[in-house]
Amino acid sequence: MAKFNFPLACLLAIFISNTCFSQNDSSQNNNSAAPNYSATPPSMWEIGIHSGVFSDFSDINIQPGFGVGGHLRKAIDYVFSIRGEGFFGQLNAEDTQNGESQTTFFAISFQLLASINNLKWNSVGTRKVNLYALGGLGINNFKVEVNPKKIFNPNLKRVPYKIQTDAEVGAGIAFRISDRFNIGVESKMMIPFGNKADKLDGLDQDDNDVLNYSSVRLNFNIGNKEKLSEPLYWVNPMDVIMNDISELKKRSTLDFTDEDDDGVIDLIDQELSTPEGAAVDTRGVTLDSDEDGVPDYKDSEPYSPPGYSVDENGVSKAFTTPEGKRYATEEDVQRIVDDALSNFKTAGGGGSSSLADWFLPMIHFRVDSYAIREADYGHLANIANVLKSNPGIQVVVLGYTDKTASTPYNDLLSYNRAKAAVDHLVKIHHIPRNRLILNYGGEKDALVPTTGSSLMNRRVEFKVATGQELDMAAPKGAKTFSGNKDAGY
């Protein structure tokens, strides 16, 4: 039966728990209900290389050797971070009582680091020094070669590659050079476990060997610094709070003063001396509804027809005698209306458009839908009223789409939108079907010149028929499509 390796089990438990912690943290960040602000902002990773002195407290006289390696480190919060590290080192023994040997050592370890000086929060600004302690578990693989010509103790033996676990403890200090680079000095002890723990020097005397590695480290921060902060062990936890407080202090005090009493506060009022009682727009500027140069509060005709000159009272000169001596009477206005109506031709007459064209709104649709929105029920009711008030006309119902799908898909969708509008007028407002002419144009005749999603382009238009239009048949081929834009639909 295989022996239970307690240190190795601990190492695997730490690795699995850290993986779950990272996944939970990511899921929380993706939760739509999570707050927009975090006390621990996303931060960069640290990658580093190191080299230094490798030594062994063992049963024989071992000369210090060398070690090299690399690591990857990520902050969990302002104090704690995790680090994965790889290491290679060699030791040489020259013991006049036992003999000569050489130990080759490989290790992979996972460590938890605590930034001690980040427990102090009463200073503001990026840390210049990072003092930390560490603890962790590792897996190592080593072998011992002995010099057969210089073996003075028969118990000094060659050891082939052996795998074992070890615990690590240590401390270090790093100095910030820039927001991308820092230099550190670190020393750590590696304490092996198991029945091979005393064979690192080739001599087994029931007294575990203990390794030491003191190194100089070159560390680099990687990541987009426009989106990520420096690793949090360099960041003072108070910075987030103090920066927010500073930003709030810089903001102007909201002043609700409204000197001209026009309903728009002075802070956003573009006309601070509006006359008393004058109507204004949302900018606080006096209204001139017909844009004739005479503000509404002085305008005797606030809605003058466009394109005509007005007098000092804002009244249009559109209906005057050639001598300019009189304005149009009620009879003149009635005559003009009657003349316009007499020129009106129904759909069967093949003539021009009518006054009804002025009052036919368009309706709009949600993305990839031909369901009538409740917001457009009123528009369709107005169109029905025009048709009922003008029994001699027909109306062309034109369906359109935006340009976010394929042409065949958009043709069918625009047909369905026009058909939905026709069905609504027939079923809800009881308009005879023969008074409605169904046409569609797919993604043609876009109102907004864009290839993306556009509410204005997802529409059905209505216009009075001239007598030349006919119902268009449904698009040939499939009656329905499924899929997405990347699939061609």
Protein backbone atom coordinates (compact mmCIF):
# COMPACT_ATOMS: atom_id res chain seq x y z
CA MET A 1 0.00 0.00 0.00
CA ALA A 2 1.41 3.38 -0.98
CA LYS A 3 2.25 5.79 1.88
CA PHE A 4 0.15 8.95 2.23
CA ASN A 5 2.27 11.99 1.41
CA PHE A 6 0.84 14.70 3.66
CA PRO A 7 2.97 17.66 2.31
CA LEU A 8 2.08 16.82 -1.30
CA ALA A 9 -1.61 16.66 -0.36
CA CYS A 10 -1.35 20.12 1.26
CA LEU A 11 0.27 21.52 -1.89
CA LEU A 12 -2.52 20.19 -4.09
CA ALA A 13 -5.18 21.54 -1.70
CA ILE A 14 -3.68 25.06 -1.84
CA PHE A 15 -3.49 24.95 -5.65
CA ILE A 16 -7.11 23.76 -6.03
CA SER A 17 -8.47 26.28 -3.50
CA ASN A 18 -6.64 29.11 -5.25
CA THR A 19 -8.07 28.05 -8.61
CA CYS A 20 -11.59 28.04 -7.16
CA PHE A 21 -11.00 31.44 -5.57
CA SER A 22 -9.98 32.87 -8.93
CA GLN A 23 -13.05 31.41 -10.64
CA ASN A 24 -15.40 32.76 -7.97
CA ASP A 25 -13.80 36.17 -8.23
CA SER A 26 -14.27 36.16 -12.02
CA SER A 27 -17.91 35.11 -11.74
CA GLN A 28 -18.55 37.93 -9.30
CA ASN A 29 -16.95 40.40 -11.69
CA ASN A 30 -19.23 39.18 -14.47
CA ASN A 31 -22.37 39.42 -12.32
CA SER A 32 -24.51 42.22 -13.69
CA ALA A 33 -25.65 43.02 -10.15
CA ALA A 34 -22.09 43.62 -8.92
CA PRO A 35 -21.07 47.22 -8.11
CA ASN A 36 -19.14 49.25 -10.64
CA TYR A 37 -16.43 50.17 -8.16
CA SER A 38 -14.05 47.82 -6.33
CA ALA A 39 -11.66 48.41 -3.45
CA THR A 40 -9.23 46.04 -5.16
CA PRO A 41 -8.93 47.12 -8.80
CA PRO A 42 -7.58 44.76 -11.49
CA SER A 43 -3.79 44.74 -11.42
CA MET A 44 -0.80 43.61 -13.48
CA TRP A 45 1.10 40.33 -13.14
CA GLU A 46 4.76 40.21 -12.12
CA ILE A 47 7.26 38.04 -13.98
CA GLY A 48 10.85 37.76 -12.80
CA ILE A 49 14.22 36.05 -12.99
CA HIS A 50 16.60 35.43 -10.12
CA SER A 51 20.07 34.10 -9.34
CA GLY A 52 22.08 33.72 -6.16
CA VAL A 53 23.88 31.58 -3.62
CA PHE A 54 22.63 28.05 -2.93
CA SER A 55 23.78 26.25 0.22
CA ASP A 56 22.96 23.24 2.41
CA PHE A 57 23.06 22.76 6.19
CA SER A 58 23.98 19.10 6.13
CA ASP A 59 26.10 16.30 7.62
CA ILE A 60 29.19 17.10 5.59
CA ASN A 61 31.10 20.21 4.60
CA ILE A 62 29.32 21.56 1.49
CA GLN A 63 30.63 24.59 -0.36
CA PRO A 64 28.02 27.18 -1.35
CA GLY A 65 26.94 26.76 -4.97
CA PHE A 66 24.79 28.73 -7.36
CA GLY A 67 21.10 28.81 -8.21
CA VAL A 68 18.92 30.34 -10.94
CA GLY A 69 15.22 30.43 -11.68
CA GLY A 70 12.11 32.37 -12.62
CA HIS A 71 8.71 33.14 -11.18
CA LEU A 72 5.20 34.45 -11.90
CA ARG A 73 3.40 36.44 -9.17
CA LYS A 74 -0.18 37.82 -8.86
CA ALA A 75 -1.63 39.99 -6.10
CA ILE A 76 -4.78 38.72 -4.37
CA ASP A 77 -5.26 41.99 -2.50
CA TYR A 78 -3.06 44.76 -1.08
CA VAL A 79 -1.30 42.45 1.40
CA PHE A 80 -1.37 38.90 0.01
CA SER A 81 -0.12 37.57 -3.31
CA ILE A 82 0.61 34.13 -4.75
CA ARG A 83 3.73 33.08 -6.62
CA GLY A 84 4.72 30.11 -8.73
CA GLU A 85 8.47 29.52 -9.02
CA GLY A 86 10.93 27.28 -10.81
CA PHE A 87 14.51 26.74 -9.50
CA PHE A 88 17.77 25.00 -10.47
CA GLY A 89 20.87 24.80 -8.25
CA GLN A 90 24.11 22.86 -7.70
CA LEU A 91 26.13 22.12 -4.55
CA ASN A 92 29.69 20.76 -4.22
CA ALA A 93 31.03 18.95 -1.11
CA GLU A 94 34.75 18.75 -0.27
CA ASP A 95 34.88 17.02 3.10
CA THR A 96 38.22 15.55 4.22
CA GLN A 97 36.42 13.13 6.53
CA ASN A 98 33.66 11.91 4.23
CA GLY A 99 34.67 12.62 0.61
CA GLU A 100 33.67 14.70 -2.41
CA SER A 101 30.18 14.89 -3.96
CA GLN A 102 28.00 17.08 -6.20
CA THR A 103 24.24 17.63 -5.77
CA THR A 104 22.04 18.77 -8.66
CA PHE A 105 18.67 20.14 -7.51
CA PHE A 106 15.45 21.09 -9.41
CA ALA A 107 12.30 22.46 -7.72
CA ILE A 108 8.84 23.83 -8.48
CA SER A 109 7.02 25.61 -5.66
CA PHE A 110 3.89 27.63 -4.90
CA GLN A 111 4.14 30.33 -2.25
CA LEU A 112 1.90 32.77 -0.39
CA LEU A 113 3.56 36.17 0.11
CA ALA A 114 2.47 38.80 2.66
CA SER A 115 3.56 42.42 2.09
CA ILE A 116 4.25 43.52 5.63
CA ASN A 117 4.62 47.25 5.05
CA ASN A 118 1.27 47.39 3.20
CA LEU A 119 -0.44 46.85 6.54
CA LYS A 120 0.34 50.52 7.22
CA TRP A 121 -2.30 52.76 5.58
CA ASN A 122 -1.61 56.23 6.96
CA SER A 123 0.62 57.36 4.10
CA VAL A 124 -0.47 58.20 0.58
CA GLY A 125 1.29 57.42 -2.68
CA THR A 126 2.81 54.45 -4.47
CA ARG A 127 5.09 52.29 -2.33
CA LYS A 128 8.81 52.63 -3.03
CA VAL A 129 9.76 49.57 -0.97
CA ASN A 130 8.00 46.21 -0.59
CA LEU A 131 8.98 44.20 2.49
CA TYR A 132 7.47 40.73 2.50
CA ALA A 133 7.48 37.31 4.15
CA LEU A 134 6.69 34.06 2.36
CA GLY A 135 5.68 30.49 3.00
CA GLY A 136 4.90 27.68 0.61
CA LEU A 137 5.20 24.08 -0.54
CA GLY A 138 7.24 22.62 -3.36
CA ILE A 139 8.16 19.49 -5.25
CA ASN A 140 11.87 18.86 -5.92
CA ASN A 141 13.98 16.37 -7.83
CA PHE A 142 17.65 15.86 -6.98
CA LYS A 143 20.59 13.55 -7.55
CA VAL A 144 23.97 13.16 -5.87
CA GLU A 145 27.17 12.16 -7.71
CA VAL A 146 30.22 11.13 -5.64
CA ASN A 147 33.92 11.08 -6.60
CA PRO A 148 34.85 7.38 -6.30
CA LYS A 149 38.52 8.31 -5.85
CA LYS A 150 37.77 10.42 -2.82
CA ILE A 151 35.29 8.50 -0.69
CA PHE A 152 36.57 8.40 2.90
CA ASN A 153 33.25 7.38 4.47
CA PRO A 154 31.63 4.24 2.99
CA ASN A 155 28.20 5.67 3.90
CA LEU A 156 28.71 8.50 1.36
CA LYS A 157 26.87 7.14 -1.66
CA ARG A 158 25.62 8.17 -5.05
CA VAL A 159 21.87 8.98 -5.11
CA PRO A 160 19.99 8.81 -8.44
CA TYR A 161 17.26 11.33 -9.20
CA LYS A 162 14.71 11.33 -6.40
CA ILE A 163 11.41 13.23 -6.09
CA GLN A 164 10.28 14.62 -2.75
CA THR A 165 8.31 17.51 -1.26
CA ASP A 166 9.51 20.40 0.85
CA ALA A 167 8.25 23.39 2.80
CA GLU A 168 9.58 26.90 2.17
CA VAL A 169 9.82 29.93 4.44
CA GLY A 170 11.63 33.19 3.85
CA ALA A 171 11.58 36.94 3.53
CA GLY A 172 12.63 39.57 1.03
CA ILE A 173 12.66 43.21 0.13
CA ALA A 174 12.08 44.84 -3.28
CA PHE A 175 12.75 48.38 -4.47
CA ARG A 176 10.50 50.05 -7.04
CA ILE A 177 12.50 51.53 -9.94
CA SER A 178 9.52 52.38 -12.19
CA ASP A 179 5.91 51.36 -12.73
CA ARG A 180 7.20 48.44 -14.82
CA PHE A 181 10.39 47.31 -13.01
CA ASN A 182 11.71 46.58 -9.51
CA ILE A 183 14.77 44.89 -7.99
CA GLY A 184 14.57 42.57 -5.00
CA VAL A 185 16.75 40.63 -2.55
CA GLU A 186 15.35 37.46 -0.99
CA SER A 187 16.45 34.59 1.24
CA LYS A 188 14.46 31.43 1.86
CA MET A 189 14.87 28.05 3.54
CA MET A 190 13.77 24.82 1.86
CA ILE A 191 12.99 22.04 4.34
CA PRO A 192 12.52 18.65 2.62
CA PHE A 193 10.09 15.95 3.83
CA GLY A 194 10.21 12.17 3.61
CA ASN A 195 12.75 9.37 3.96
CA LYS A 196 15.05 11.00 1.36
CA ALA A 197 15.27 14.30 3.21
CA ASP A 198 18.74 13.46 4.61
CA LYS A 199 20.21 12.24 1.33
CA LEU A 200 20.73 15.64 -0.33
CA ASP A 201 24.44 15.43 0.53
CA GLY A 202 24.74 11.70 -0.19
CA LEU A 203 25.16 10.82 3.48
CA ASP A 204 22.20 9.45 5.45
CA GLN A 205 22.58 9.99 9.20
CA ASP A 206 18.91 10.50 10.18
CA ASP A 207 19.29 14.26 10.36
CA ASN A 208 17.34 16.10 7.60
CA ASP A 209 19.30 18.43 5.36
CA VAL A 210 18.05 22.01 5.12
CA LEU A 211 18.65 24.13 2.00
CA ASN A 212 19.08 27.86 1.75
CA TYR A 213 18.79 30.07 -1.33
CA SER A 214 19.66 33.79 -1.20
CA SER A 215 19.06 35.60 -4.47
CA VAL A 216 18.90 38.88 -6.35
CA ARG A 217 15.69 39.27 -8.36
CA LEU A 218 14.80 41.33 -11.45
CA ASN A 219 11.02 41.74 -11.59
CA PHE A 220 8.86 43.11 -14.40
CA ASN A 221 5.16 44.12 -14.34
CA ILE A 222 3.23 42.95 -17.40
CA GLY A 223 -0.20 44.08 -18.61
CA ASN A 224 -2.01 47.08 -20.08
CA LYS A 225 -1.37 49.92 -17.66
CA GLU A 226 -4.26 51.89 -19.19
CA LYS A 227 -6.64 49.27 -17.78
CA LEU A 228 -4.64 47.70 -14.94
CA SER A 229 -2.96 49.15 -11.88
CA GLU A 230 0.49 48.16 -10.69
CA PRO A 231 0.52 44.96 -8.62
CA LEU A 232 -1.45 45.79 -5.48
CA TYR A 233 1.49 45.18 -3.12
CA TRP A 234 2.92 48.42 -4.55
CA VAL A 235 -0.36 50.32 -4.18
CA ASN A 236 -1.41 52.03 -0.97
CA PRO A 237 -4.99 50.96 -0.10
CA MET A 238 -5.78 54.57 0.85
CA ASP A 239 -5.00 55.83 -2.68
CA VAL A 240 -8.39 54.78 -4.10
CA ILE A 241 -10.23 56.63 -1.33
CA MET A 242 -8.00 59.73 -1.37
CA ASN A 243 -8.15 60.03 -5.18
CA ASP A 244 -11.96 59.91 -5.08
CA ILE A 245 -12.04 62.53 -2.33
CA SER A 246 -9.68 64.79 -4.31
CA GLU A 247 -11.85 64.45 -7.42
CA LEU A 248 -14.98 65.33 -5.45
CA LYS A 249 -13.28 68.42 -3.99
CA LYS A 250 -12.39 69.62 -7.48
CA ARG A 251 -16.01 69.53 -8.67
CA SER A 252 -17.98 72.73 -8.73
CA THR A 253 -20.64 73.19 -6.06
CA LEU A 254 -24.09 72.68 -7.58
CA ASP A 255 -25.86 76.05 -7.49
CA PHE A 256 -29.63 76.07 -8.01
CA THR A 257 -29.87 79.86 -8.40
CA ASP A 258 -32.23 81.01 -11.19
CA GLU A 259 -31.86 84.81 -11.40
CA ASP A 260 -34.30 85.34 -14.29
CA ASP A 261 -36.82 82.86 -12.86
CA ASP A 262 -37.30 81.07 -16.19
CA GLY A 263 -37.12 77.56 -14.71
CA VAL A 264 -33.52 76.90 -15.90
CA ILE A 265 -30.78 77.28 -13.24
CA ASP A 266 -28.00 79.79 -13.98
CA LEU A 267 -25.39 77.01 -14.07
CA ILE A 268 -26.74 75.80 -17.45
CA ASP A 269 -28.76 78.87 -18.55
CA GLN A 270 -27.45 80.28 -21.85
CA GLU A 271 -29.62 83.41 -21.57
CA LEU A 272 -29.37 84.81 -18.04
CA SER A 273 -31.71 87.78 -18.60
CA THR A 274 -34.84 86.22 -20.06
CA PRO A 275 -37.79 88.68 -19.97
CA GLU A 276 -40.37 87.90 -17.32
CA GLY A 277 -43.06 85.47 -18.45
CA ALA A 278 -41.26 84.49 -21.70
CA ALA A 279 -41.27 80.78 -22.56
CA VAL A 280 -37.78 79.24 -22.90
CA ASP A 281 -36.26 75.99 -24.14
CA THR A 282 -34.19 73.58 -22.04
CA ARG A 283 -31.13 75.82 -22.44
CA GLY A 284 -32.95 78.83 -21.02
CA VAL A 285 -33.11 80.58 -24.42
CA THR A 286 -36.31 82.46 -25.31
CA LEU A 287 -38.52 80.39 -27.63
CA ASP A 288 -39.09 81.42 -31.25
CA SER A 289 -41.23 78.53 -32.48
CA ASP A 290 -41.48 79.59 -36.13
CA GLU A 291 -37.90 80.94 -36.23
CA ASP A 292 -39.02 84.19 -37.80
CA GLY A 293 -36.80 86.32 -35.56
CA VAL A 294 -39.63 87.47 -33.30
CA PRO A 295 -39.71 85.62 -29.95
CA ASP A 296 -42.98 83.91 -29.05
CA TYR A 297 -43.82 86.31 -26.21
CA LYS A 298 -43.86 89.18 -28.76
CA ASP A 299 -45.14 87.20 -31.76
CA SER A 300 -48.79 87.75 -32.71
CA GLU A 301 -48.45 84.75 -35.04
CA PRO A 302 -46.04 82.32 -33.30
CA TYR A 303 -46.44 79.71 -36.05
CA SER A 304 -46.03 81.70 -39.27
CA PRO A 305 -45.59 79.65 -42.48
CA PRO A 306 -41.89 79.19 -43.30
CA GLY A 307 -40.17 81.10 -46.08
CA TYR A 308 -42.14 84.36 -45.83
CA SER A 309 -41.14 87.66 -44.34
CA VAL A 310 -42.98 88.93 -41.24
CA ASP A 311 -43.75 92.34 -39.84
CA GLU A 312 -42.58 93.71 -36.46
CA ASN A 313 -45.32 91.71 -34.73
CA GLY A 314 -44.21 88.44 -36.32
CA VAL A 315 -47.20 88.19 -38.63
CA SER A 316 -46.52 86.61 -42.03
CA LYS A 317 -46.92 88.65 -45.22
CA ALA A 318 -47.82 85.56 -47.22
CA PHE A 319 -51.46 86.57 -47.78
CA THR A 320 -51.51 90.22 -48.73
CA THR A 321 -52.80 92.08 -51.74
CA PRO A 322 -50.24 93.23 -54.32
CA GLU A 323 -50.39 96.62 -52.66
CA GLY A 324 -49.64 95.00 -49.29
CA LYS A 325 -52.62 96.68 -47.61
CA ARG A 326 -54.49 93.76 -46.11
CA TYR A 327 -54.01 90.26 -44.65
CA ALA A 328 -56.06 87.30 -45.78
CA THR A 329 -59.61 87.12 -44.48
CA GLU A 330 -61.30 83.98 -43.28
CA GLU A 331 -62.93 83.68 -46.70
CA ASP A 332 -59.52 83.90 -48.40
CA VAL A 333 -58.17 81.09 -46.25
CA GLN A 334 -61.22 78.93 -46.97
CA ARG A 335 -60.81 79.56 -50.67
CA ILE A 336 -57.16 78.53 -50.63
CA VAL A 337 -58.03 75.32 -48.79
CA ASP A 338 -60.85 74.55 -51.21
CA ASP A 339 -58.54 75.13 -54.19
CA ALA A 340 -55.97 72.75 -52.73
CA LEU A 341 -58.60 70.07 -52.09
CA SER A 342 -60.02 70.45 -55.57
CA ASN A 343 -56.59 69.53 -56.99
CA PHE A 344 -56.51 66.37 -54.96
CA LYS A 345 -56.77 63.14 -56.98
CA THR A 346 -57.60 59.75 -55.61
CA ALA A 347 -55.46 56.68 -56.17
CA GLY A 348 -57.58 55.66 -59.09
CA GLY A 349 -56.96 58.96 -60.85
CA GLY A 350 -53.24 58.45 -61.31
CA GLY A 351 -52.53 61.97 -60.06
CA SER A 352 -50.32 63.62 -57.49
CA SER A 353 -50.03 63.16 -53.75
CA SER A 354 -52.54 64.71 -51.38
CA LEU A 355 -52.74 66.65 -48.16
CA ALA A 356 -53.16 63.29 -46.48
CA ASP A 357 -49.44 62.66 -47.12
CA TRP A 358 -48.66 65.28 -44.50
CA PHE A 359 -50.34 63.30 -41.77
CA LEU A 360 -49.14 59.76 -42.38
CA PRO A 361 -46.46 58.90 -39.81
CA MET A 362 -44.10 55.95 -39.95
CA ILE A 363 -43.76 53.21 -37.32
CA HIS A 364 -40.58 51.46 -36.09
CA PHE A 365 -39.61 47.97 -34.93
CA ARG A 366 -37.30 46.26 -32.47
CA VAL A 367 -34.24 44.36 -33.71
CA ASP A 368 -35.11 41.25 -35.73
CA SER A 369 -38.86 41.67 -35.04
CA TYR A 370 -42.05 42.45 -36.93
CA ALA A 371 -44.30 42.72 -33.89
CA ILE A 372 -46.14 46.06 -33.66
CA ARG A 373 -44.95 48.06 -30.64
CA GLU A 374 -47.61 49.50 -28.35
CA ALA A 375 -45.93 52.89 -28.77
CA ASP A 376 -47.01 52.86 -32.44
CA TYR A 377 -50.69 51.99 -31.88
CA GLY A 378 -51.54 55.71 -31.88
CA HIS A 379 -49.78 56.28 -35.22
CA LEU A 380 -51.72 53.43 -36.81
CA ALA A 381 -54.96 54.85 -35.40
CA ASN A 382 -54.17 58.22 -37.06
CA ILE A 383 -53.58 56.48 -40.39
CA ALA A 384 -56.90 54.66 -40.02
CA ASN A 385 -58.66 57.98 -39.35
CA VAL A 386 -57.15 59.49 -42.54
CA LEU A 387 -58.39 56.50 -44.55
CA LYS A 388 -61.87 56.72 -43.03
CA SER A 389 -62.02 60.49 -43.66
CA ASN A 390 -60.90 60.05 -47.30
CA PRO A 391 -62.81 57.02 -48.63
CA GLY A 392 -61.52 57.58 -52.14
CA ILE A 393 -57.82 56.94 -51.46
CA GLN A 394 -55.58 53.93 -51.08
CA VAL A 395 -52.43 53.81 -48.96
CA VAL A 396 -49.17 52.08 -49.83
CA VAL A 397 -47.63 50.27 -46.83
CA LEU A 398 -43.82 50.04 -47.31
CA GLY A 399 -41.67 47.79 -45.04
CA TYR A 400 -37.91 48.29 -44.52
CA THR A 401 -35.03 46.91 -42.37
CA ASP A 402 -31.59 48.04 -41.28
CA LYS A 403 -28.41 46.45 -42.70
CA THR A 404 -27.52 43.98 -39.95
CA ALA A 405 -28.43 40.77 -41.80
CA SER A 406 -28.32 39.20 -45.27
CA THR A 407 -30.38 40.56 -48.19
CA PRO A 408 -32.77 37.54 -48.43
CA TYR A 409 -33.40 37.67 -44.69
CA ASN A 410 -34.05 41.43 -44.78
CA ASP A 411 -36.42 41.13 -47.75
CA LEU A 412 -38.57 38.63 -45.85
CA LEU A 413 -38.38 40.65 -42.62
CA SER A 414 -39.47 43.87 -44.40
CA TYR A 415 -42.36 41.96 -46.04
CA ASN A 416 -43.47 40.65 -42.62
CA ARG A 417 -43.30 44.15 -41.12
CA ALA A 418 -45.49 45.62 -43.87
CA LYS A 419 -47.89 42.67 -43.56
CA ALA A 420 -48.09 43.16 -39.75
CA ALA A 421 -49.08 46.81 -40.26
CA VAL A 422 -51.70 45.89 -42.89
CA ASP A 423 -53.15 43.15 -40.66
CA HIS A 424 -53.36 45.59 -37.73
CA LEU A 425 -55.29 48.18 -39.78
CA VAL A 426 -57.65 45.53 -41.13
CA LYS A 427 -58.32 43.65 -37.88
CA ILE A 428 -58.22 46.46 -35.34
CA HIS A 429 -59.56 49.44 -37.33
CA HIS A 430 -61.62 47.51 -39.93
CA ILE A 431 -60.01 49.14 -42.97
CA PRO A 432 -60.92 47.20 -46.15
CA ARG A 433 -57.93 45.16 -47.33
CA ASN A 434 -58.27 46.46 -50.91
CA ARG A 435 -57.49 49.99 -49.70
CA LEU A 436 -54.01 48.91 -48.54
CA ILE A 437 -51.17 48.10 -50.98
CA LEU A 438 -48.36 46.00 -49.45
CA ASN A 439 -44.84 46.84 -50.66
CA TYR A 440 -41.41 46.15 -49.16
CA GLY A 441 -37.82 47.21 -49.84
CA GLY A 442 -35.60 45.21 -47.45
CA GLU A 443 -32.54 47.25 -46.49
CA LYS A 444 -32.93 49.71 -49.40
CA ASP A 445 -33.65 53.45 -49.01
CA ALA A 446 -32.08 53.68 -45.54
CA LEU A 447 -32.93 56.90 -43.70
CA VAL A 448 -29.72 56.68 -41.66
CA PRO A 449 -26.57 55.96 -43.73
CA THR A 450 -25.13 53.20 -41.54
CA THR A 451 -24.45 49.49 -41.93
CA GLY A 452 -25.12 48.87 -38.25
CA SER A 453 -28.28 48.61 -36.19
CA SER A 454 -30.65 51.60 -36.61
CA LEU A 455 -34.14 52.08 -35.20
CA MET A 456 -34.92 54.69 -37.89
CA ASN A 457 -34.18 52.19 -40.67
CA ARG A 458 -36.32 49.43 -39.07
CA ARG A 459 -39.62 50.97 -40.20
CA VAL A 460 -42.85 50.85 -42.14
CA GLU A 461 -43.80 53.96 -44.14
CA PHE A 462 -47.26 54.97 -45.38
CA LYS A 463 -48.03 57.09 -48.43
CA VAL A 464 -51.08 57.85 -50.53
CA ALA A 465 -51.17 55.68 -53.65
CA THR A 466 -50.95 57.35 -57.04
CA GLY A 467 -52.75 54.55 -58.86
CA GLN A 468 -49.63 52.88 -60.23
CA GLU A 469 -48.75 50.68 -57.23
CA LEU A 470 -49.65 47.01 -56.82
CA ASP A 471 -49.36 44.52 -53.99
CA MET A 472 -45.91 42.86 -53.99
CA ALA A 473 -45.79 39.10 -53.52
CA ALA A 474 -43.87 37.58 -50.63
CA PRO A 475 -40.17 36.90 -51.37
CA LYS A 476 -39.52 33.68 -53.25
CA GLY A 477 -37.95 30.74 -51.44
CA ALA A 478 -38.02 30.08 -47.71
CA LYS A 479 -40.68 31.83 -45.67
CA THR A 480 -38.57 31.87 -42.50
CA PHE A 481 -34.87 32.12 -41.68
CA SER A 482 -32.88 31.30 -38.57
CA GLY A 483 -29.31 31.89 -37.51
CA ASN A 484 -27.20 34.99 -37.05
CA LYS A 485 -25.32 37.54 -39.13
CA ASP A 486 -22.11 35.48 -39.21
CA ALA A 487 -24.12 32.56 -40.65
CA GLY A 488 -25.40 34.77 -43.47
CA TYR A 489 -28.84 35.63 -42.03
